Amino acid sequence: MVHQFPEPEIFTLNCPTQQILDVISDKWSVIVLYCLAFQPRRYNDIQRRIEGISQKVLTQSLRRLERHGLVRRTVLSEMPLSVEYSLTELGETLMDPLLAIATWRVFRFLCKP
């Protein structure tokens, strides 16, 4: 099949597509993004909702997503420390493509001939 659009520069190391794929190719990152898609959540709420994620992996995922501008960390109070995580505008734009992938996966594996 020949496509009518230009081939992306995905094969170069500095390609933005390659960089974002590196961030979202981790399953925990995608699950964390889904968890935050519907409402802001506190750390413990995220950890309770995502079965099987360790505290270390959750912390690493949140930091990485925040560093790449997909998740916002908001300190709600100093004593005791209360932090809330939410999607940024950029993170919200990622939800439609991720939902399309999730829908494709479910359809593909549930509808095997």
N, C-alpha and C. Protein backbone atom coordinates (compact mmCIF):
# COMPACT_ATOMS: atom_id res chain seq x y z
N MET A 1 0.84 -1.17 0.00
CA MET A 1 0.00 0.00 0.00
C MET A 1 0.89 1.24 0.00
N VAL A 2 0.62 2.18 -0.88
CA VAL A 2 1.36 3.42 -0.98
C VAL A 2 0.49 4.53 -0.41
N HIS A 3 1.06 5.29 0.55
CA HIS A 3 0.31 6.40 1.16
C HIS A 3 0.59 7.70 0.41
N GLN A 4 -0.35 8.60 0.43
CA GLN A 4 -0.25 9.87 -0.29
C GLN A 4 0.31 11.00 0.57
N PHE A 5 0.79 10.71 1.76
CA PHE A 5 1.35 11.76 2.61
C PHE A 5 2.85 11.54 2.75
N PRO A 6 3.59 12.58 3.11
CA PRO A 6 5.05 12.45 3.19
C PRO A 6 5.48 11.50 4.31
N GLU A 7 6.56 10.79 4.06
CA GLU A 7 7.11 9.89 5.07
C GLU A 7 7.71 10.71 6.20
N PRO A 8 7.37 10.40 7.47
CA PRO A 8 7.91 11.18 8.58
C PRO A 8 9.40 10.93 8.77
N GLU A 9 10.04 11.84 9.44
CA GLU A 9 11.47 11.72 9.74
C GLU A 9 11.67 10.91 11.03
N ILE A 10 10.94 9.83 11.17
CA ILE A 10 10.95 9.05 12.40
C ILE A 10 12.26 8.28 12.61
N PHE A 11 13.06 8.18 11.58
CA PHE A 11 14.27 7.37 11.66
C PHE A 11 15.47 8.13 12.20
N THR A 12 15.32 9.43 12.45
CA THR A 12 16.43 10.21 13.00
C THR A 12 16.31 10.29 14.52
N LEU A 13 17.43 10.37 15.20
CA LEU A 13 17.43 10.37 16.67
C LEU A 13 16.72 11.58 17.27
N ASN A 14 16.76 12.70 16.60
CA ASN A 14 16.15 13.92 17.14
C ASN A 14 14.70 14.10 16.72
N CYS A 15 14.13 13.09 16.12
CA CYS A 15 12.75 13.17 15.65
C CYS A 15 11.79 13.28 16.85
N PRO A 16 10.92 14.30 16.86
CA PRO A 16 9.96 14.43 17.97
C PRO A 16 9.05 13.20 18.10
N THR A 17 8.71 12.58 16.99
CA THR A 17 7.86 11.38 17.05
C THR A 17 8.57 10.27 17.80
N GLN A 18 9.85 10.08 17.53
CA GLN A 18 10.62 9.05 18.21
C GLN A 18 10.72 9.36 19.70
N GLN A 19 10.87 10.63 20.04
CA GLN A 19 10.98 11.02 21.45
C GLN A 19 9.68 10.77 22.21
N ILE A 20 8.54 11.12 21.60
CA ILE A 20 7.27 10.90 22.30
C ILE A 20 6.94 9.42 22.38
N LEU A 21 7.31 8.66 21.36
CA LEU A 21 7.09 7.21 21.43
C LEU A 21 7.89 6.60 22.57
N ASP A 22 9.08 7.13 22.81
CA ASP A 22 9.88 6.65 23.93
C ASP A 22 9.17 6.89 25.26
N VAL A 23 8.50 8.01 25.38
CA VAL A 23 7.79 8.35 26.63
C VAL A 23 6.54 7.50 26.80
N ILE A 24 5.75 7.36 25.75
CA ILE A 24 4.45 6.68 25.91
C ILE A 24 4.50 5.19 25.61
N SER A 25 5.66 4.66 25.24
CA SER A 25 5.72 3.23 24.95
C SER A 25 5.76 2.39 26.22
N ASP A 26 5.98 3.02 27.34
CA ASP A 26 5.98 2.33 28.62
C ASP A 26 4.53 2.11 29.06
N LYS A 27 4.18 0.87 29.37
CA LYS A 27 2.78 0.58 29.71
C LYS A 27 2.30 1.35 30.93
N TRP A 28 3.16 1.53 31.92
CA TRP A 28 2.73 2.24 33.12
C TRP A 28 2.43 3.70 32.83
N SER A 29 3.22 4.31 31.95
CA SER A 29 2.97 5.71 31.59
C SER A 29 1.58 5.87 30.97
N VAL A 30 1.24 4.99 30.07
CA VAL A 30 -0.07 5.05 29.42
C VAL A 30 -1.18 4.83 30.44
N ILE A 31 -1.01 3.89 31.34
CA ILE A 31 -2.03 3.62 32.36
C ILE A 31 -2.18 4.80 33.30
N VAL A 32 -1.08 5.43 33.67
CA VAL A 32 -1.14 6.62 34.53
C VAL A 32 -1.88 7.74 33.80
N LEU A 33 -1.58 7.93 32.52
CA LEU A 33 -2.27 8.96 31.75
C LEU A 33 -3.77 8.69 31.72
N TYR A 34 -4.17 7.44 31.50
CA TYR A 34 -5.59 7.09 31.52
C TYR A 34 -6.21 7.39 32.88
N CYS A 35 -5.49 7.08 33.94
CA CYS A 35 -5.99 7.30 35.29
C CYS A 35 -6.27 8.79 35.53
N LEU A 36 -5.46 9.65 34.95
CA LEU A 36 -5.61 11.09 35.14
C LEU A 36 -6.53 11.73 34.09
N ALA A 37 -6.97 10.96 33.12
CA ALA A 37 -7.75 11.52 32.01
C ALA A 37 -9.11 12.07 32.45
N PHE A 38 -9.67 11.55 33.50
CA PHE A 38 -11.03 11.91 33.86
C PHE A 38 -11.11 12.90 35.00
N GLN A 39 -10.06 12.97 35.81
CA GLN A 39 -10.04 13.93 36.92
C GLN A 39 -8.65 13.97 37.54
N PRO A 40 -8.31 15.10 38.18
CA PRO A 40 -7.05 15.16 38.92
C PRO A 40 -7.10 14.17 40.09
N ARG A 41 -5.95 13.63 40.43
CA ARG A 41 -5.91 12.66 41.52
C ARG A 41 -4.67 12.85 42.38
N ARG A 42 -4.81 12.48 43.62
CA ARG A 42 -3.66 12.48 44.53
C ARG A 42 -2.88 11.19 44.34
N TYR A 43 -1.62 11.23 44.76
CA TYR A 43 -0.71 10.10 44.56
C TYR A 43 -1.31 8.79 45.06
N ASN A 44 -1.78 8.77 46.31
CA ASN A 44 -2.31 7.53 46.89
C ASN A 44 -3.53 7.02 46.14
N ASP A 45 -4.34 7.92 45.63
CA ASP A 45 -5.51 7.53 44.83
C ASP A 45 -5.05 6.85 43.54
N ILE A 46 -4.04 7.41 42.89
CA ILE A 46 -3.51 6.80 41.67
C ILE A 46 -2.98 5.40 41.97
N GLN A 47 -2.22 5.28 43.05
CA GLN A 47 -1.62 3.99 43.40
C GLN A 47 -2.70 2.95 43.73
N ARG A 48 -3.76 3.36 44.39
CA ARG A 48 -4.86 2.43 44.70
C ARG A 48 -5.60 1.99 43.45
N ARG A 49 -5.77 2.89 42.48
CA ARG A 49 -6.54 2.57 41.28
C ARG A 49 -5.79 1.68 40.30
N ILE A 50 -4.46 1.77 40.28
CA ILE A 50 -3.68 1.01 39.31
C ILE A 50 -3.11 -0.24 39.97
N GLU A 51 -3.73 -1.35 39.74
CA GLU A 51 -3.28 -2.61 40.34
C GLU A 51 -1.92 -3.01 39.79
N GLY A 52 -1.04 -3.42 40.68
CA GLY A 52 0.24 -3.97 40.27
C GLY A 52 1.38 -2.97 40.11
N ILE A 53 1.10 -1.69 40.23
CA ILE A 53 2.16 -0.69 40.08
C ILE A 53 2.82 -0.47 41.43
N SER A 54 4.14 -0.49 41.44
CA SER A 54 4.87 -0.26 42.70
C SER A 54 5.00 1.24 42.93
N GLN A 55 5.28 1.59 44.17
CA GLN A 55 5.47 3.00 44.52
C GLN A 55 6.62 3.60 43.71
N LYS A 56 7.70 2.84 43.55
CA LYS A 56 8.87 3.31 42.80
C LYS A 56 8.51 3.58 41.34
N VAL A 57 7.82 2.65 40.70
CA VAL A 57 7.47 2.80 39.29
C VAL A 57 6.47 3.94 39.10
N LEU A 58 5.51 4.08 40.00
CA LEU A 58 4.55 5.17 39.90
C LEU A 58 5.27 6.51 40.01
N THR A 59 6.16 6.63 40.97
CA THR A 59 6.91 7.88 41.14
C THR A 59 7.74 8.18 39.90
N GLN A 60 8.43 7.19 39.37
CA GLN A 60 9.24 7.39 38.17
C GLN A 60 8.36 7.80 36.98
N SER A 61 7.21 7.15 36.83
CA SER A 61 6.31 7.45 35.71
C SER A 61 5.78 8.87 35.82
N LEU A 62 5.32 9.26 37.00
CA LEU A 62 4.80 10.61 37.19
C LEU A 62 5.87 11.66 36.92
N ARG A 63 7.07 11.44 37.42
CA ARG A 63 8.17 12.40 37.19
C ARG A 63 8.50 12.52 35.71
N ARG A 64 8.54 11.40 35.04
CA ARG A 64 8.87 11.41 33.61
C ARG A 64 7.78 12.12 32.80
N LEU A 65 6.53 11.82 33.10
CA LEU A 65 5.42 12.47 32.40
C LEU A 65 5.38 13.97 32.69
N GLU A 66 5.71 14.34 33.91
CA GLU A 66 5.77 15.76 34.27
C GLU A 66 6.93 16.45 33.54
N ARG A 67 8.06 15.80 33.48
CA ARG A 67 9.24 16.35 32.80
C ARG A 67 8.96 16.60 31.32
N HIS A 68 8.13 15.77 30.72
CA HIS A 68 7.82 15.91 29.30
C HIS A 68 6.57 16.76 29.05
N GLY A 69 6.03 17.34 30.11
CA GLY A 69 4.92 18.28 29.94
C GLY A 69 3.56 17.65 29.75
N LEU A 70 3.41 16.39 30.10
CA LEU A 70 2.13 15.71 29.94
C LEU A 70 1.30 15.71 31.22
N VAL A 71 1.98 15.80 32.36
CA VAL A 71 1.31 15.77 33.67
C VAL A 71 1.75 17.00 34.47
N ARG A 72 0.80 17.55 35.21
CA ARG A 72 1.06 18.69 36.08
C ARG A 72 0.99 18.23 37.53
N ARG A 73 1.97 18.64 38.32
CA ARG A 73 2.01 18.33 39.75
C ARG A 73 1.69 19.62 40.49
N THR A 74 0.65 19.59 41.33
CA THR A 74 0.23 20.78 42.07
C THR A 74 0.28 20.48 43.56
N VAL A 75 1.01 21.30 44.30
CA VAL A 75 1.07 21.17 45.76
C VAL A 75 -0.15 21.90 46.32
N LEU A 76 -1.00 21.16 47.03
CA LEU A 76 -2.24 21.72 47.56
C LEU A 76 -2.04 22.31 48.95
N SER A 77 -1.18 21.71 49.73
CA SER A 77 -0.91 22.22 51.07
C SER A 77 0.49 21.79 51.50
N GLU A 78 1.06 22.57 52.39
CA GLU A 78 2.42 22.29 52.86
C GLU A 78 2.45 21.29 54.01
N MET A 79 1.56 21.46 55.00
CA MET A 79 1.57 20.59 56.17
C MET A 79 0.19 20.02 56.41
N PRO A 80 -0.02 18.74 56.39
CA PRO A 80 0.87 17.76 55.78
C PRO A 80 0.89 17.96 54.26
N LEU A 81 1.97 17.55 53.63
CA LEU A 81 2.15 17.74 52.20
C LEU A 81 1.04 17.02 51.44
N SER A 82 0.38 17.75 50.58
CA SER A 82 -0.70 17.19 49.77
C SER A 82 -0.45 17.60 48.33
N VAL A 83 -0.34 16.61 47.45
CA VAL A 83 -0.02 16.86 46.05
C VAL A 83 -1.09 16.22 45.17
N GLU A 84 -1.44 16.92 44.10
CA GLU A 84 -2.42 16.42 43.15
C GLU A 84 -1.78 16.41 41.76
N TYR A 85 -2.13 15.39 40.97
CA TYR A 85 -1.63 15.27 39.60
C TYR A 85 -2.79 15.38 38.64
N SER A 86 -2.53 16.04 37.51
CA SER A 86 -3.55 16.19 36.48
C SER A 86 -2.86 16.24 35.13
N LEU A 87 -3.64 16.05 34.07
CA LEU A 87 -3.08 16.17 32.73
C LEU A 87 -2.92 17.64 32.37
N THR A 88 -1.87 17.94 31.66
CA THR A 88 -1.71 19.28 31.09
C THR A 88 -2.53 19.33 29.80
N GLU A 89 -2.58 20.48 29.16
CA GLU A 89 -3.27 20.58 27.88
C GLU A 89 -2.62 19.64 26.86
N LEU A 90 -1.29 19.56 26.89
CA LEU A 90 -0.59 18.66 25.99
C LEU A 90 -0.96 17.20 26.29
N GLY A 91 -1.03 16.85 27.57
CA GLY A 91 -1.42 15.50 27.96
C GLY A 91 -2.83 15.16 27.51
N GLU A 92 -3.72 16.15 27.58
CA GLU A 92 -5.10 15.92 27.14
C GLU A 92 -5.16 15.62 25.65
N THR A 93 -4.28 16.24 24.86
CA THR A 93 -4.31 15.99 23.41
C THR A 93 -3.87 14.58 23.07
N LEU A 94 -3.21 13.91 23.99
CA LEU A 94 -2.74 12.55 23.76
C LEU A 94 -3.83 11.51 24.01
N MET A 95 -4.90 11.90 24.68
CA MET A 95 -5.92 10.93 25.07
C MET A 95 -6.69 10.36 23.87
N ASP A 96 -7.00 11.16 22.88
CA ASP A 96 -7.73 10.63 21.71
C ASP A 96 -6.92 9.55 20.99
N PRO A 97 -5.62 9.80 20.68
CA PRO A 97 -4.84 8.72 20.05
C PRO A 97 -4.71 7.47 20.94
N LEU A 98 -4.55 7.66 22.25
CA LEU A 98 -4.44 6.50 23.14
C LEU A 98 -5.75 5.73 23.21
N LEU A 99 -6.87 6.45 23.19
CA LEU A 99 -8.17 5.79 23.19
C LEU A 99 -8.37 5.00 21.89
N ALA A 100 -7.90 5.56 20.79
CA ALA A 100 -7.99 4.85 19.51
C ALA A 100 -7.18 3.55 19.55
N ILE A 101 -6.01 3.60 20.16
CA ILE A 101 -5.19 2.39 20.29
C ILE A 101 -5.89 1.38 21.19
N ALA A 102 -6.44 1.85 22.30
CA ALA A 102 -7.13 0.94 23.23
C ALA A 102 -8.34 0.30 22.55
N THR A 103 -9.08 1.08 21.79
CA THR A 103 -10.25 0.57 21.08
C THR A 103 -9.82 -0.45 20.03
N TRP A 104 -8.76 -0.14 19.29
CA TRP A 104 -8.24 -1.06 18.29
C TRP A 104 -7.83 -2.38 18.93
N ARG A 105 -7.12 -2.28 20.05
CA ARG A 105 -6.64 -3.48 20.74
C ARG A 105 -7.80 -4.36 21.18
N VAL A 106 -8.79 -3.76 21.79
CA VAL A 106 -9.94 -4.52 22.27
C VAL A 106 -10.67 -5.15 21.09
N PHE A 107 -10.92 -4.38 20.05
CA PHE A 107 -11.62 -4.90 18.88
C PHE A 107 -10.82 -6.03 18.24
N ARG A 108 -9.53 -5.84 18.10
CA ARG A 108 -8.66 -6.80 17.43
C ARG A 108 -8.62 -8.13 18.18
N PHE A 109 -8.51 -8.08 19.49
CA PHE A 109 -8.35 -9.31 20.25
C PHE A 109 -9.67 -9.97 20.63
N LEU A 110 -10.73 -9.19 20.67
CA LEU A 110 -12.04 -9.78 20.99
C LEU A 110 -12.72 -10.35 19.75
N CYS A 111 -12.32 -9.90 18.58
CA CYS A 111 -12.98 -10.29 17.35
C CYS A 111 -12.12 -11.20 16.48
N LYS A 112 -11.33 -12.04 17.10
CA LYS A 112 -10.51 -12.98 16.33
C LYS A 112 -11.40 -13.97 15.60
N PRO A 113 -11.07 -14.28 14.36
CA PRO A 113 -11.88 -15.26 13.62
C PRO A 113 -11.71 -16.67 14.17
